[in-house]
């Protein structure tokens, strides 16, 4: 899923959010997943977005 599509689905375009907000939240999510032993569920596709 691309960055723009993910921003739209998560925040429904109700607020203006820049790409950094998404990146910070995805980094936090990946860190939490790693802490509980989920390592390869979420994959970053450089320049495109993320893949489950």
C-alpha atoms as a PDB file:
ATOM      1  CA  UNK A   1       0.000   0.000   0.000  1.00  0.00           C
ATOM      2  CA  UNK A   2       1.391   3.381  -0.944  1.00  0.00           C
ATOM      3  CA  UNK A   3       1.980   6.240   1.484  1.00  0.00           C
ATOM      4  CA  UNK A   4      -0.830   8.421   0.125  1.00  0.00           C
ATOM      5  CA  UNK A   5      -3.320   5.548   0.175  1.00  0.00           C
ATOM      6  CA  UNK A   6      -2.338   4.623   3.723  1.00  0.00           C
ATOM      7  CA  UNK A   7      -2.678   8.229   4.931  1.00  0.00           C
ATOM      8  CA  UNK A   8      -6.124   8.427   3.345  1.00  0.00           C
ATOM      9  CA  UNK A   9      -7.339   5.136   4.844  1.00  0.00           C
ATOM     10  CA  UNK A  10      -5.970   5.799   8.340  1.00  0.00           C
ATOM     11  CA  UNK A  11      -6.946   9.446   8.748  1.00  0.00           C
ATOM     12  CA  UNK A  12      -9.794   9.780   6.192  1.00  0.00           C
ATOM     13  CA  UNK A  13      -8.398  13.087   4.885  1.00  0.00           C
ATOM     14  CA  UNK A  14     -10.001  14.919   7.816  1.00  0.00           C
ATOM     15  CA  UNK A  15      -6.703  16.445   8.790  1.00  0.00           C
ATOM     16  CA  UNK A  16      -3.682  17.632   6.863  1.00  0.00           C
ATOM     17  CA  UNK A  17      -0.876  15.261   7.691  1.00  0.00           C
ATOM     18  CA  UNK A  18       2.500  15.280   6.084  1.00  0.00           C
ATOM     19  CA  UNK A  19       4.421  12.174   5.192  1.00  0.00           C
ATOM     20  CA  UNK A  20       6.580  12.508   8.313  1.00  0.00           C
ATOM     21  CA  UNK A  21       3.578  11.780  10.567  1.00  0.00           C
ATOM     22  CA  UNK A  22       3.052   8.496   8.755  1.00  0.00           C
ATOM     23  CA  UNK A  23       6.738   7.575   8.850  1.00  0.00           C
ATOM     24  CA  UNK A  24       7.019   8.272  12.592  1.00  0.00           C
ATOM     25  CA  UNK A  25       3.945   6.156  13.337  1.00  0.00           C
ATOM     26  CA  UNK A  26       5.092   3.290  11.114  1.00  0.00           C
ATOM     27  CA  UNK A  27       8.500   3.331  12.837  1.00  0.00           C
ATOM     28  CA  UNK A  28       6.801   3.187  16.236  1.00  0.00           C
ATOM     29  CA  UNK A  29       4.566   0.332  15.088  1.00  0.00           C
ATOM     30  CA  UNK A  30       7.525  -1.669  13.759  1.00  0.00           C
ATOM     31  CA  UNK A  31       9.427  -1.093  17.031  1.00  0.00           C
ATOM     32  CA  UNK A  32       6.491  -2.330  19.133  1.00  0.00           C
ATOM     33  CA  UNK A  33       6.035  -5.347  16.871  1.00  0.00           C
ATOM     34  CA  UNK A  34       9.727  -6.195  17.230  1.00  0.00           C
ATOM     35  CA  UNK A  35       9.467  -5.942  21.035  1.00  0.00           C
ATOM     36  CA  UNK A  36       6.805  -8.670  21.057  1.00  0.00           C
ATOM     37  CA  UNK A  37       8.637 -10.878  18.577  1.00  0.00           C
ATOM     38  CA  UNK A  38       6.886  -9.971  15.329  1.00  0.00           C
ATOM     39  CA  UNK A  39       9.748  -9.166  12.999  1.00  0.00           C
ATOM     40  CA  UNK A  40       8.860  -9.779   9.355  1.00  0.00           C
ATOM     41  CA  UNK A  41       5.135  -9.006   9.222  1.00  0.00           C
ATOM     42  CA  UNK A  42       5.471  -5.436   7.940  1.00  0.00           C
ATOM     43  CA  UNK A  43       7.934  -4.757   5.132  1.00  0.00           C
ATOM     44  CA  UNK A  44       8.981  -1.337   3.853  1.00  0.00           C
ATOM     45  CA  UNK A  45       9.047  -1.046   0.054  1.00  0.00           C
ATOM     46  CA  UNK A  46      11.466   1.809  -0.578  1.00  0.00           C
ATOM     47  CA  UNK A  47       9.848   4.746  -2.344  1.00  0.00           C
ATOM     48  CA  UNK A  48       6.441   3.029  -2.493  1.00  0.00           C
ATOM     49  CA  UNK A  49       5.010   2.195   0.940  1.00  0.00           C
ATOM     50  CA  UNK A  50       4.558  -0.945   3.033  1.00  0.00           C
ATOM     51  CA  UNK A  51       3.598  -4.547   2.483  1.00  0.00           C
ATOM     52  CA  UNK A  52       2.190  -7.091   4.946  1.00  0.00           C
END
